[in-house]
Amino acid sequence: MRCPFCNAEDSRVVNSRSAEDGRAIRRRRECVSCGGRFSTYETVENVPLMVIKKSGVREPFNRDKLLSGLMRAFNKREVATEKLEQIVSDTEQEMRNLMEREVTSVAIGEAVMRRLKDFDEVAYIRFASVYRKFTDVESFKNEVLNLRQNNTALS
């Protein structure tokens, strides 16, 4: 960290504490060259996660939109809202861990489906029917067969 007094590039941290209700860290520093003391603040950079839709349109990641889709998939299924919110949070974190500023809607959909496959097969099929745009009964049948084959292979 560059000293604001002498422009030296070397300083040491004297004290650190939480600031801004835990959203930042305040660091008290001392310049190794001139002994001047100054404060710095460290915060997490919130870079918006952009979603590239199948049409090529880009839009900001929307947790509420994903949660709404999950709620439709779980309609009349007994599941706590907290579990759905956890699926959304886990999916968002997985996408952010890719360290990319833009992710495809396909990657998000596949991440959600991986989580649903082991959690609730009915919700998985419902979500897949919308996400993969099933157009006929044959599409449903094929997805159910794939689901059963994967579950048999895991046994």
Protein backbone atom coordinates (compact mmCIF):
# COMPACT_ATOMS: atom_id res chain seq x y z
CA MET A 1 0.00 0.00 0.00
CA ARG A 2 1.50 3.34 -1.07
CA CYS A 3 2.10 5.85 1.74
CA PRO A 4 0.04 9.06 1.23
CA PHE A 5 2.84 11.12 2.87
CA CYS A 6 6.05 9.99 1.14
CA ASN A 7 4.78 7.69 -1.64
CA ALA A 8 6.85 4.76 -0.38
CA GLU A 9 5.32 1.42 -1.36
CA ASP A 10 6.01 -0.46 1.85
CA SER A 11 3.77 -0.24 4.92
CA ARG A 12 2.80 -2.55 7.72
CA VAL A 13 -0.59 -3.20 9.30
CA VAL A 14 -0.73 -1.95 12.89
CA ASN A 15 -4.39 -2.71 13.61
CA SER A 16 -7.40 -4.26 11.82
CA ARG A 17 -11.05 -4.13 12.75
CA SER A 18 -14.45 -4.61 11.21
CA ALA A 19 -16.15 -1.55 9.73
CA GLU A 20 -19.44 -0.71 8.03
CA ASP A 21 -21.37 -3.41 9.89
CA GLY A 22 -18.93 -6.13 8.86
CA ARG A 23 -18.97 -5.23 5.17
CA ALA A 24 -15.45 -3.79 5.28
CA ILE A 25 -12.19 -4.07 7.20
CA ARG A 26 -10.49 -0.94 8.47
CA ARG A 27 -6.73 -1.29 8.57
CA ARG A 28 -4.46 1.14 10.41
CA ARG A 29 -1.10 1.19 8.63
CA GLU A 30 2.33 2.60 9.32
CA CYS A 31 4.80 3.55 6.57
CA VAL A 32 8.09 1.68 6.93
CA SER A 33 10.03 4.62 5.41
CA CYS A 34 8.63 7.76 7.10
CA GLY A 35 6.66 6.31 10.03
CA GLY A 36 3.45 8.09 8.95
CA ARG A 37 0.19 6.43 9.94
CA PHE A 38 -2.90 6.17 7.76
CA SER A 39 -6.07 4.10 7.43
CA THR A 40 -7.28 1.97 4.56
CA TYR A 41 -10.57 0.18 4.01
CA GLU A 42 -10.88 -3.21 2.37
CA THR A 43 -14.23 -4.25 0.85
CA VAL A 44 -15.42 -7.05 -1.35
CA GLU A 45 -15.81 -5.95 -4.93
CA ASN A 46 -19.39 -6.64 -5.97
CA VAL A 47 -19.14 -7.23 -9.68
CA PRO A 48 -22.58 -7.89 -11.14
CA LEU A 49 -23.00 -11.39 -12.52
CA MET A 50 -24.42 -11.17 -16.03
CA VAL A 51 -26.48 -13.93 -17.63
CA ILE A 52 -26.28 -14.60 -21.34
CA LYS A 53 -29.68 -15.88 -22.41
CA LYS A 54 -30.14 -18.39 -25.25
CA SER A 55 -31.28 -15.48 -27.45
CA GLY A 56 -27.95 -13.71 -26.83
CA VAL A 57 -29.51 -11.03 -24.63
CA ARG A 58 -27.51 -10.17 -21.51
CA GLU A 59 -29.17 -9.33 -18.21
CA PRO A 60 -28.10 -9.20 -14.55
CA PHE A 61 -28.45 -12.42 -12.55
CA ASN A 62 -31.80 -12.29 -10.77
CA ARG A 63 -32.17 -14.47 -7.68
CA ASP A 64 -35.91 -13.79 -7.53
CA LYS A 65 -36.41 -15.03 -11.08
CA LEU A 66 -34.62 -18.30 -10.32
CA LEU A 67 -36.51 -18.70 -7.04
CA SER A 68 -39.79 -18.13 -8.86
CA GLY A 69 -38.95 -20.88 -11.36
CA LEU A 70 -38.11 -23.26 -8.52
CA MET A 71 -41.36 -22.42 -6.74
CA ARG A 72 -43.29 -23.34 -9.90
CA ALA A 73 -41.38 -26.62 -10.13
CA PHE A 74 -42.19 -27.38 -6.49
CA ASN A 75 -45.85 -26.34 -6.73
CA LYS A 76 -47.88 -28.53 -4.33
CA ARG A 77 -44.71 -30.31 -3.20
CA GLU A 78 -43.81 -30.24 0.47
CA VAL A 79 -40.58 -28.31 0.63
CA ALA A 80 -39.46 -25.46 2.86
CA THR A 81 -38.88 -22.11 1.20
CA GLU A 82 -35.50 -22.03 2.95
CA LYS A 83 -34.45 -25.13 0.98
CA LEU A 84 -35.37 -23.42 -2.31
CA GLU A 85 -33.47 -20.30 -1.25
CA GLN A 86 -30.49 -22.52 -0.43
CA ILE A 87 -30.60 -24.03 -3.92
CA VAL A 88 -30.61 -20.52 -5.38
CA SER A 89 -27.73 -19.41 -3.13
CA ASP A 90 -25.67 -22.52 -3.90
CA THR A 91 -26.26 -22.09 -7.62
CA GLU A 92 -25.34 -18.40 -7.53
CA GLN A 93 -22.18 -19.18 -5.54
CA GLU A 94 -21.22 -21.90 -8.01
CA MET A 95 -21.58 -19.42 -10.89
CA ARG A 96 -19.56 -16.75 -9.04
CA ASN A 97 -16.85 -19.33 -8.25
CA LEU A 98 -16.32 -19.72 -11.98
CA MET A 99 -14.71 -16.27 -11.72
CA GLU A 100 -16.45 -15.14 -14.89
CA ARG A 101 -18.41 -11.90 -15.18
CA GLU A 102 -20.85 -13.55 -17.59
CA VAL A 103 -22.40 -17.01 -17.41
CA THR A 104 -24.90 -18.64 -19.72
CA SER A 105 -28.46 -19.42 -18.73
CA VAL A 106 -27.62 -22.96 -19.84
CA ALA A 107 -24.91 -23.25 -17.14
CA ILE A 108 -27.33 -21.95 -14.50
CA GLY A 109 -30.08 -24.33 -15.60
CA GLU A 110 -27.75 -27.33 -15.57
CA ALA A 111 -26.46 -26.40 -12.09
CA VAL A 112 -30.03 -26.21 -10.76
CA MET A 113 -30.97 -29.51 -12.40
CA ARG A 114 -27.97 -31.28 -10.80
CA ARG A 115 -29.24 -30.15 -7.41
CA LEU A 116 -32.86 -31.10 -8.12
CA LYS A 117 -32.07 -34.55 -9.53
CA ASP A 118 -31.03 -35.90 -6.13
CA PHE A 119 -33.47 -33.81 -4.10
CA ASP A 120 -36.90 -34.19 -5.75
CA GLU A 121 -37.44 -36.10 -8.99
CA VAL A 122 -40.89 -34.62 -9.67
CA ALA A 123 -39.59 -31.06 -9.30
CA TYR A 124 -36.62 -32.05 -11.46
CA ILE A 125 -38.91 -33.20 -14.30
CA ARG A 126 -41.08 -30.08 -13.96
CA PHE A 127 -38.05 -27.79 -14.06
CA ALA A 128 -36.54 -29.73 -16.96
CA SER A 129 -39.77 -29.51 -18.93
CA VAL A 130 -39.63 -25.71 -18.88
CA TYR A 131 -35.86 -25.35 -19.04
CA ARG A 132 -35.43 -27.80 -21.91
CA LYS A 133 -38.70 -26.73 -23.55
CA PHE A 134 -40.34 -30.14 -23.83
CA THR A 135 -42.75 -30.07 -26.77
CA ASP A 136 -44.35 -33.50 -26.49
CA VAL A 137 -44.93 -36.49 -24.23
CA GLU A 138 -41.93 -38.25 -25.76
CA SER A 139 -39.64 -35.57 -24.30
CA PHE A 140 -41.04 -36.23 -20.82
CA LYS A 141 -40.71 -39.98 -21.30
CA ASN A 142 -37.07 -39.71 -22.38
CA GLU A 143 -36.16 -37.50 -19.43
CA VAL A 144 -37.83 -39.89 -16.96
CA LEU A 145 -35.99 -42.84 -18.54
CA ASN A 146 -32.67 -40.97 -18.27
CA LEU A 147 -33.40 -40.13 -14.65
CA ARG A 148 -34.17 -43.77 -13.83
CA GLN A 149 -31.09 -45.06 -15.67
CA ASN A 150 -28.86 -42.63 -13.73
CA ASN A 151 -30.45 -43.63 -10.42
CA THR A 152 -30.02 -47.35 -11.25
CA ALA A 153 -26.39 -46.79 -12.21
CA LEU A 154 -25.73 -45.04 -8.89
CA SER A 155 -27.23 -47.92 -6.87
